[in-house]
C-alpha cells in the first residue's frame, strides 16, 4: 500500500495539535477553523519556495527573515477565514496560538522575538510578489512599487 508523502507543514501542524490536545479551548477552535485546516493541509506550497526566495536578497542584512512560504500561508489563511485586511490579520495571529499554528508559524519563539510577522512584513511580501524576482548583480535597483 502506498503512503501519501507528508509535507513539513502537515507534520508540524499535526504535531502541534497532538501536543496541545488537552487544551480546553482547542476543540472549539479546531471546529471554528475546520475549513481552513482542510484547505491548508491540501495545499503544498513548497513548490512556490524557489520563486518566493528569488524575490529576496540571497544574503539578507539585519535580523533573521521570515520564511516566505509561511508568509504566503498567512495571507492565504486571511483569505480563507475572511479577514479583510492585513492590519486586522496581524493582531489576530499574535493573539491566537491556533491561528499561528495554522499559518505554520513557530511555537517556540525566542525571548524578545515576535510570535507573528508584522503588518509591514506582509505588505512587503505583496510588493515583492508584484515586482517579481530581483535582477541578478544589480546594486541599488529600484523596484517598480518603490518608484510609484
N, C-alpha and C. Protein backbone atom coordinates (compact mmCIF):
# COMPACT_ATOMS: atom_id res chain seq x y z
N UNK A 1 0.85 -1.18 0.00
CA UNK A 1 0.00 0.00 0.00
C UNK A 1 0.89 1.24 0.00
N UNK A 2 0.63 2.15 -0.91
CA UNK A 2 1.40 3.39 -0.99
C UNK A 2 0.92 4.36 0.07
N UNK A 3 1.87 5.14 0.59
CA UNK A 3 1.50 6.17 1.55
C UNK A 3 1.63 7.53 0.90
N UNK A 4 0.79 8.45 1.33
CA UNK A 4 0.84 9.81 0.81
C UNK A 4 2.01 10.51 1.47
N UNK A 5 2.88 11.18 0.69
CA UNK A 5 4.01 11.87 1.30
C UNK A 5 3.54 12.98 2.25
N UNK A 6 4.19 13.08 3.39
CA UNK A 6 3.85 14.10 4.37
C UNK A 6 4.73 15.31 4.15
N UNK A 7 4.11 16.46 4.00
CA UNK A 7 4.85 17.69 3.81
C UNK A 7 5.23 18.23 5.19
N UNK A 8 6.31 19.01 5.27
CA UNK A 8 6.74 19.54 6.58
C UNK A 8 5.63 20.30 7.31
N UNK A 9 4.83 21.06 6.59
CA UNK A 9 3.74 21.80 7.22
C UNK A 9 2.73 20.84 7.84
N UNK A 10 2.37 19.81 7.10
CA UNK A 10 1.41 18.82 7.59
C UNK A 10 1.92 18.19 8.88
N UNK A 11 3.18 17.79 8.89
CA UNK A 11 3.77 17.17 10.08
C UNK A 11 3.82 18.16 11.25
N UNK A 12 4.17 19.41 10.95
CA UNK A 12 4.26 20.43 12.00
C UNK A 12 2.89 20.70 12.62
N UNK A 13 1.86 20.85 11.80
CA UNK A 13 0.53 21.14 12.32
C UNK A 13 -0.02 19.94 13.10
N UNK A 14 0.16 18.74 12.57
CA UNK A 14 -0.31 17.54 13.26
C UNK A 14 0.37 17.40 14.62
N UNK A 15 1.68 17.62 14.66
CA UNK A 15 2.42 17.54 15.92
C UNK A 15 1.93 18.59 16.91
N UNK A 16 1.65 19.79 16.42
CA UNK A 16 1.18 20.87 17.30
C UNK A 16 -0.18 20.50 17.91
N UNK A 17 -1.08 19.96 17.09
CA UNK A 17 -2.40 19.57 17.59
C UNK A 17 -2.27 18.46 18.63
N UNK A 18 -1.42 17.48 18.38
CA UNK A 18 -1.22 16.40 19.35
C UNK A 18 -0.59 16.93 20.64
N UNK A 19 0.31 17.87 20.52
CA UNK A 19 0.98 18.43 21.70
C UNK A 19 0.00 19.23 22.57
N UNK A 20 -0.95 19.90 21.95
CA UNK A 20 -1.88 20.76 22.68
C UNK A 20 -3.29 20.16 22.79
N UNK A 21 -3.43 18.86 22.58
CA UNK A 21 -4.75 18.23 22.53
C UNK A 21 -5.55 18.38 23.83
N UNK A 22 -4.87 18.60 24.95
CA UNK A 22 -5.58 18.69 26.22
C UNK A 22 -6.02 20.12 26.57
N UNK A 23 -5.72 21.08 25.72
CA UNK A 23 -6.14 22.47 25.99
C UNK A 23 -7.67 22.55 25.88
N UNK A 24 -8.32 23.15 26.87
CA UNK A 24 -9.79 23.16 26.87
C UNK A 24 -10.42 23.91 25.69
N UNK A 25 -9.74 24.91 25.15
CA UNK A 25 -10.32 25.69 24.06
C UNK A 25 -10.00 25.12 22.67
N UNK A 26 -9.13 24.12 22.60
CA UNK A 26 -8.69 23.63 21.30
C UNK A 26 -9.80 23.01 20.45
N UNK A 27 -10.66 22.14 20.99
CA UNK A 27 -11.71 21.57 20.12
C UNK A 27 -12.62 22.63 19.48
N UNK A 28 -12.98 23.64 20.23
CA UNK A 28 -13.83 24.70 19.67
C UNK A 28 -13.09 25.48 18.58
N UNK A 29 -11.82 25.75 18.80
CA UNK A 29 -11.02 26.47 17.81
C UNK A 29 -10.84 25.63 16.54
N UNK A 30 -10.59 24.34 16.72
CA UNK A 30 -10.43 23.46 15.55
C UNK A 30 -11.73 23.35 14.76
N UNK A 31 -12.87 23.33 15.46
CA UNK A 31 -14.16 23.33 14.77
C UNK A 31 -14.38 24.63 14.01
N UNK A 32 -14.02 25.75 14.65
CA UNK A 32 -14.19 27.06 14.03
C UNK A 32 -13.38 27.18 12.74
N UNK A 33 -12.17 26.63 12.76
CA UNK A 33 -11.27 26.77 11.61
C UNK A 33 -11.13 25.47 10.82
N UNK A 34 -12.11 24.58 10.90
CA UNK A 34 -12.04 23.28 10.23
C UNK A 34 -11.85 23.41 8.72
N UNK A 35 -12.58 24.34 8.10
CA UNK A 35 -12.45 24.52 6.65
C UNK A 35 -11.05 25.01 6.29
N UNK A 36 -10.53 25.95 7.06
CA UNK A 36 -9.18 26.46 6.81
C UNK A 36 -8.15 25.35 6.98
N UNK A 37 -8.34 24.51 7.97
CA UNK A 37 -7.40 23.39 8.19
C UNK A 37 -7.42 22.46 6.99
N UNK A 38 -8.60 22.11 6.51
CA UNK A 38 -8.72 21.23 5.34
C UNK A 38 -8.02 21.83 4.12
N UNK A 39 -8.28 23.09 3.87
CA UNK A 39 -7.72 23.73 2.68
C UNK A 39 -6.19 23.82 2.79
N UNK A 40 -5.71 24.29 3.93
CA UNK A 40 -4.26 24.48 4.08
C UNK A 40 -3.50 23.15 4.07
N UNK A 41 -4.11 22.11 4.63
CA UNK A 41 -3.45 20.80 4.59
C UNK A 41 -3.43 20.21 3.19
N UNK A 42 -4.39 20.60 2.36
CA UNK A 42 -4.42 20.07 1.00
C UNK A 42 -3.47 20.80 0.05
N UNK A 43 -3.02 21.98 0.46
CA UNK A 43 -2.12 22.77 -0.38
C UNK A 43 -0.66 22.43 -0.08
N UNK A 44 0.11 22.22 -1.11
CA UNK A 44 1.55 22.06 -0.95
C UNK A 44 2.19 23.33 -1.50
N UNK A 45 2.63 24.21 -0.60
CA UNK A 45 3.21 25.49 -1.02
C UNK A 45 4.72 25.40 -1.24
N UNK A 46 5.32 24.26 -0.97
CA UNK A 46 6.77 24.13 -1.12
C UNK A 46 7.26 24.43 -2.55
N UNK A 47 6.53 24.04 -3.60
CA UNK A 47 7.00 24.39 -4.94
C UNK A 47 7.12 25.91 -5.16
N UNK A 48 6.40 26.71 -4.38
CA UNK A 48 6.48 28.17 -4.52
C UNK A 48 7.72 28.74 -3.85
N UNK A 49 8.40 27.94 -3.04
CA UNK A 49 9.56 28.43 -2.28
C UNK A 49 10.64 29.04 -3.18
N UNK A 50 10.98 28.34 -4.25
CA UNK A 50 12.05 28.83 -5.14
C UNK A 50 11.68 30.19 -5.73
N UNK A 51 10.45 30.33 -6.19
CA UNK A 51 10.01 31.60 -6.77
C UNK A 51 10.00 32.71 -5.71
N UNK A 52 9.49 32.40 -4.52
CA UNK A 52 9.42 33.40 -3.45
C UNK A 52 10.81 33.83 -3.01
N UNK A 53 11.72 32.89 -2.88
CA UNK A 53 13.06 33.23 -2.40
C UNK A 53 13.85 34.05 -3.41
N UNK A 54 13.50 33.96 -4.68
CA UNK A 54 14.16 34.80 -5.68
C UNK A 54 13.76 36.26 -5.53
N UNK A 55 12.70 36.55 -4.80
CA UNK A 55 12.24 37.92 -4.56
C UNK A 55 12.99 38.56 -3.39
N UNK A 56 13.82 37.81 -2.72
CA UNK A 56 14.58 38.29 -1.56
C UNK A 56 16.07 38.26 -1.87
N UNK A 57 16.82 39.10 -1.20
CA UNK A 57 18.27 39.12 -1.37
C UNK A 57 18.85 37.80 -0.89
N UNK A 58 19.88 37.28 -1.59
CA UNK A 58 20.46 36.00 -1.17
C UNK A 58 21.19 36.08 0.17
N UNK A 59 21.70 37.24 0.51
CA UNK A 59 22.40 37.44 1.79
C UNK A 59 21.73 38.60 2.51
N UNK A 60 20.64 38.32 3.22
CA UNK A 60 19.90 39.41 3.87
C UNK A 60 20.69 40.06 4.99
N UNK A 61 20.50 41.36 5.14
CA UNK A 61 21.11 42.08 6.26
C UNK A 61 20.08 42.20 7.36
N UNK A 62 20.52 42.46 8.56
CA UNK A 62 19.59 42.63 9.67
C UNK A 62 19.24 41.31 10.32
N UNK A 63 18.05 41.26 10.87
CA UNK A 63 17.60 40.07 11.59
C UNK A 63 17.27 38.91 10.67
N UNK A 64 16.99 37.78 11.28
CA UNK A 64 16.65 36.59 10.53
C UNK A 64 15.30 36.80 9.83
N UNK A 65 15.25 36.63 8.51
CA UNK A 65 14.00 36.89 7.79
C UNK A 65 12.96 35.80 8.04
N UNK A 66 11.70 36.16 7.88
CA UNK A 66 10.61 35.19 7.97
C UNK A 66 10.64 34.29 6.74
N UNK A 67 10.23 33.07 6.90
CA UNK A 67 10.13 32.12 5.79
C UNK A 67 9.05 32.62 4.83
N UNK A 68 9.38 32.86 3.55
CA UNK A 68 8.39 33.41 2.63
C UNK A 68 7.19 32.49 2.40
N UNK A 69 7.37 31.18 2.52
CA UNK A 69 6.25 30.25 2.36
C UNK A 69 5.28 30.42 3.53
N UNK A 70 5.80 30.64 4.72
CA UNK A 70 4.95 30.88 5.89
C UNK A 70 4.20 32.20 5.73
N UNK A 71 4.86 33.21 5.20
CA UNK A 71 4.19 34.50 4.96
C UNK A 71 3.05 34.33 3.95
N UNK A 72 3.30 33.57 2.90
CA UNK A 72 2.26 33.31 1.91
C UNK A 72 1.10 32.56 2.55
N UNK A 73 1.41 31.59 3.41
CA UNK A 73 0.35 30.84 4.10
C UNK A 73 -0.45 31.76 5.02
N UNK A 74 0.20 32.74 5.64
CA UNK A 74 -0.52 33.72 6.47
C UNK A 74 -1.55 34.48 5.63
N UNK A 75 -1.14 34.90 4.44
CA UNK A 75 -2.06 35.64 3.57
C UNK A 75 -3.20 34.74 3.08
N UNK A 76 -2.88 33.49 2.76
CA UNK A 76 -3.93 32.56 2.35
C UNK A 76 -4.91 32.29 3.49
N UNK A 77 -4.37 32.15 4.70
CA UNK A 77 -5.23 31.95 5.87
C UNK A 77 -6.20 33.11 6.04
N UNK A 78 -5.70 34.33 5.86
CA UNK A 78 -6.56 35.51 5.97
C UNK A 78 -7.70 35.45 4.96
N UNK A 79 -7.39 35.03 3.75
CA UNK A 79 -8.44 34.92 2.72
C UNK A 79 -9.46 33.84 3.08
N UNK A 80 -8.97 32.72 3.56
CA UNK A 80 -9.86 31.59 3.86
C UNK A 80 -10.81 31.91 5.00
N UNK A 81 -10.29 32.56 6.06
CA UNK A 81 -11.16 32.85 7.20
C UNK A 81 -11.77 34.25 7.11
N UNK A 82 -11.64 34.84 5.95
CA UNK A 82 -12.30 36.10 5.60
C UNK A 82 -11.91 37.26 6.51
N UNK A 83 -10.61 37.40 6.72
CA UNK A 83 -10.09 38.58 7.42
C UNK A 83 -9.82 39.61 6.33
N UNK A 84 -10.48 40.75 6.37
CA UNK A 84 -10.44 41.68 5.24
C UNK A 84 -9.14 42.47 5.06
N UNK A 85 -8.29 42.53 6.06
CA UNK A 85 -7.08 43.33 5.88
C UNK A 85 -5.91 42.76 6.67
N UNK A 86 -4.74 43.07 6.19
CA UNK A 86 -3.52 42.65 6.88
C UNK A 86 -3.45 43.32 8.25
N UNK A 87 -3.92 44.55 8.34
CA UNK A 87 -3.91 45.26 9.62
C UNK A 87 -4.76 44.54 10.67
N UNK A 88 -5.77 43.80 10.26
CA UNK A 88 -6.59 43.03 11.21
C UNK A 88 -6.00 41.63 11.41
N UNK A 89 -5.32 41.11 10.40
CA UNK A 89 -4.75 39.77 10.49
C UNK A 89 -3.65 39.69 11.55
N UNK A 90 -2.73 40.63 11.55
CA UNK A 90 -1.56 40.55 12.43
C UNK A 90 -1.95 40.47 13.91
N UNK A 91 -2.84 41.33 14.43
CA UNK A 91 -3.22 41.17 15.83
C UNK A 91 -3.92 39.84 16.12
N UNK A 92 -4.67 39.34 15.14
CA UNK A 92 -5.32 38.04 15.34
C UNK A 92 -4.28 36.92 15.42
N UNK A 93 -3.26 36.98 14.56
CA UNK A 93 -2.19 35.98 14.61
C UNK A 93 -1.44 36.04 15.93
N UNK A 94 -1.12 37.25 16.36
CA UNK A 94 -0.38 37.41 17.61
C UNK A 94 -1.20 36.99 18.82
N UNK A 95 -2.51 37.07 18.72
CA UNK A 95 -3.37 36.75 19.86
C UNK A 95 -3.90 35.33 19.89
N UNK A 96 -3.69 34.56 18.82
CA UNK A 96 -4.25 33.21 18.75
C UNK A 96 -3.18 32.19 18.40
N UNK A 97 -2.89 31.33 19.34
CA UNK A 97 -1.87 30.30 19.07
C UNK A 97 -2.38 29.31 18.03
N UNK A 98 -3.70 29.13 17.92
CA UNK A 98 -4.25 28.23 16.92
C UNK A 98 -4.04 28.80 15.51
N UNK A 99 -4.30 30.09 15.34
CA UNK A 99 -4.07 30.71 14.03
C UNK A 99 -2.59 30.70 13.67
N UNK A 100 -1.72 30.93 14.66
CA UNK A 100 -0.28 30.85 14.39
C UNK A 100 0.11 29.45 13.93
N UNK A 101 -0.45 28.44 14.57
CA UNK A 101 -0.16 27.06 14.17
C UNK A 101 -0.69 26.78 12.77
N UNK A 102 -1.89 27.26 12.45
CA UNK A 102 -2.45 27.07 11.12
C UNK A 102 -1.61 27.75 10.05
N UNK A 103 -1.02 28.88 10.39
CA UNK A 103 -0.17 29.59 9.43
C UNK A 103 1.20 28.95 9.29
N UNK A 104 1.54 28.06 10.22
CA UNK A 104 2.85 27.41 10.17
C UNK A 104 3.92 28.20 10.88
N UNK A 105 3.50 29.14 11.72
CA UNK A 105 4.47 29.94 12.48
C UNK A 105 5.02 29.11 13.63
N UNK A 106 6.27 29.33 13.98
CA UNK A 106 6.88 28.52 15.05
C UNK A 106 6.21 28.77 16.40
N UNK A 107 6.13 27.72 17.19
CA UNK A 107 5.50 27.80 18.50
C UNK A 107 6.49 28.26 19.57
N UNK A 108 7.75 27.93 19.36
CA UNK A 108 8.79 28.28 20.34
C UNK A 108 9.54 29.52 19.87
N UNK A 109 9.06 30.67 20.30
CA UNK A 109 9.64 31.95 19.89
C UNK A 109 10.65 32.39 20.94
N UNK A 110 11.87 32.77 20.51
CA UNK A 110 12.87 33.24 21.48
C UNK A 110 12.40 34.49 22.23
N UNK A 111 12.93 34.68 23.42
CA UNK A 111 12.60 35.84 24.24
C UNK A 111 12.85 37.12 23.46
N UNK A 112 11.88 38.01 23.43
CA UNK A 112 12.02 39.30 22.76
C UNK A 112 11.65 39.27 21.29
N UNK A 113 11.45 38.09 20.71
CA UNK A 113 11.09 37.99 19.30
C UNK A 113 9.57 38.03 19.15
N UNK A 114 9.12 38.38 17.97
CA UNK A 114 7.69 38.45 17.71
C UNK A 114 7.15 37.06 17.38
N UNK A 115 5.93 36.80 17.81
CA UNK A 115 5.32 35.50 17.55
C UNK A 115 4.71 35.42 16.16
N UNK A 116 4.57 36.55 15.49
CA UNK A 116 3.98 36.59 14.15
C UNK A 116 4.61 37.74 13.38
N UNK A 117 4.62 37.66 12.05
CA UNK A 117 5.17 38.76 11.26
C UNK A 117 4.36 40.03 11.44
N UNK A 118 4.99 41.16 11.23
CA UNK A 118 4.31 42.43 11.35
C UNK A 118 3.55 42.80 10.09
N UNK A 119 2.78 43.84 10.19
CA UNK A 119 1.99 44.33 9.06
C UNK A 119 2.91 44.67 7.88
N UNK A 120 4.00 45.39 8.17
CA UNK A 120 4.94 45.78 7.11
C UNK A 120 5.57 44.59 6.42
N UNK A 121 5.84 43.53 7.15
CA UNK A 121 6.45 42.33 6.57
C UNK A 121 5.51 41.69 5.55
N UNK A 122 4.23 41.61 5.88
CA UNK A 122 3.27 41.01 4.96
C UNK A 122 3.02 41.90 3.75
N UNK A 123 2.95 43.23 3.96
CA UNK A 123 2.82 44.13 2.82
C UNK A 123 4.06 44.07 1.94
N UNK A 124 5.23 43.92 2.55
CA UNK A 124 6.47 43.80 1.79
C UNK A 124 6.43 42.57 0.89
N UNK A 125 5.90 41.46 1.40
CA UNK A 125 5.76 40.26 0.58
C UNK A 125 4.87 40.54 -0.63
N UNK A 126 3.77 41.25 -0.41
CA UNK A 126 2.88 41.58 -1.54
C UNK A 126 3.61 42.43 -2.58
N UNK A 127 4.41 43.40 -2.12
CA UNK A 127 5.18 44.22 -3.07
C UNK A 127 6.20 43.37 -3.82
N UNK A 128 6.84 42.47 -3.12
CA UNK A 128 7.83 41.60 -3.77
C UNK A 128 7.16 40.70 -4.82
N UNK A 129 5.98 40.19 -4.50
CA UNK A 129 5.26 39.36 -5.47
C UNK A 129 4.85 40.18 -6.68
N UNK A 130 4.46 41.42 -6.45
CA UNK A 130 4.06 42.31 -7.54
C UNK A 130 5.25 42.64 -8.43
N UNK A 131 6.41 42.88 -7.83
CA UNK A 131 7.59 43.30 -8.57
C UNK A 131 8.36 42.15 -9.20
N UNK A 132 8.24 40.96 -8.65
CA UNK A 132 8.95 39.81 -9.18
C UNK A 132 10.36 39.69 -8.63
N UNK A 133 11.12 38.73 -9.16
CA UNK A 133 12.47 38.48 -8.65
C UNK A 133 13.41 39.66 -8.84
N UNK A 134 14.38 39.75 -7.94
CA UNK A 134 15.42 40.78 -8.06
C UNK A 134 16.33 40.44 -9.24
N UNK A 135 16.72 41.42 -10.04
CA UNK A 135 17.69 41.15 -11.10
C UNK A 135 19.02 40.76 -10.46
N UNK A 136 19.70 39.82 -11.06
CA UNK A 136 20.98 39.37 -10.51
C UNK A 136 22.07 40.42 -10.72
N UNK A 137 22.82 40.66 -9.65
CA UNK A 137 24.00 41.52 -9.74
C UNK A 137 23.72 43.00 -9.92
N UNK A 138 22.51 43.45 -9.70
CA UNK A 138 22.20 44.87 -9.86
C UNK A 138 22.13 45.50 -8.47
N UNK A 139 23.01 46.48 -8.22
CA UNK A 139 23.01 47.17 -6.93
C UNK A 139 22.19 48.44 -7.06
N UNK A 140 21.48 48.76 -6.00
CA UNK A 140 20.71 50.00 -5.99
C UNK A 140 19.50 49.95 -6.89
N UNK A 141 19.04 48.76 -7.19
CA UNK A 141 17.88 48.58 -8.07
C UNK A 141 16.64 49.11 -7.37
N UNK A 142 15.86 49.91 -8.07
CA UNK A 142 14.62 50.45 -7.53
C UNK A 142 13.47 49.62 -8.08
N UNK A 143 12.74 48.97 -7.17
CA UNK A 143 11.62 48.14 -7.58
C UNK A 143 10.49 49.06 -8.10
N UNK A 144 9.70 48.57 -9.05
CA UNK A 144 8.60 49.39 -9.57
C UNK A 144 7.65 49.90 -8.49
N UNK A 145 7.36 49.09 -7.48
CA UNK A 145 6.43 49.54 -6.43
C UNK A 145 7.04 50.64 -5.57
N UNK A 146 8.36 50.68 -5.48
CA UNK A 146 9.03 51.73 -4.70
C UNK A 146 9.09 53.04 -5.49
N UNK A 147 9.03 52.95 -6.80
CA UNK A 147 9.13 54.13 -7.64
C UNK A 147 7.79 54.88 -7.72
N UNK A 148 6.72 54.19 -7.39
CA UNK A 148 5.38 54.79 -7.51
C UNK A 148 5.15 55.85 -6.47
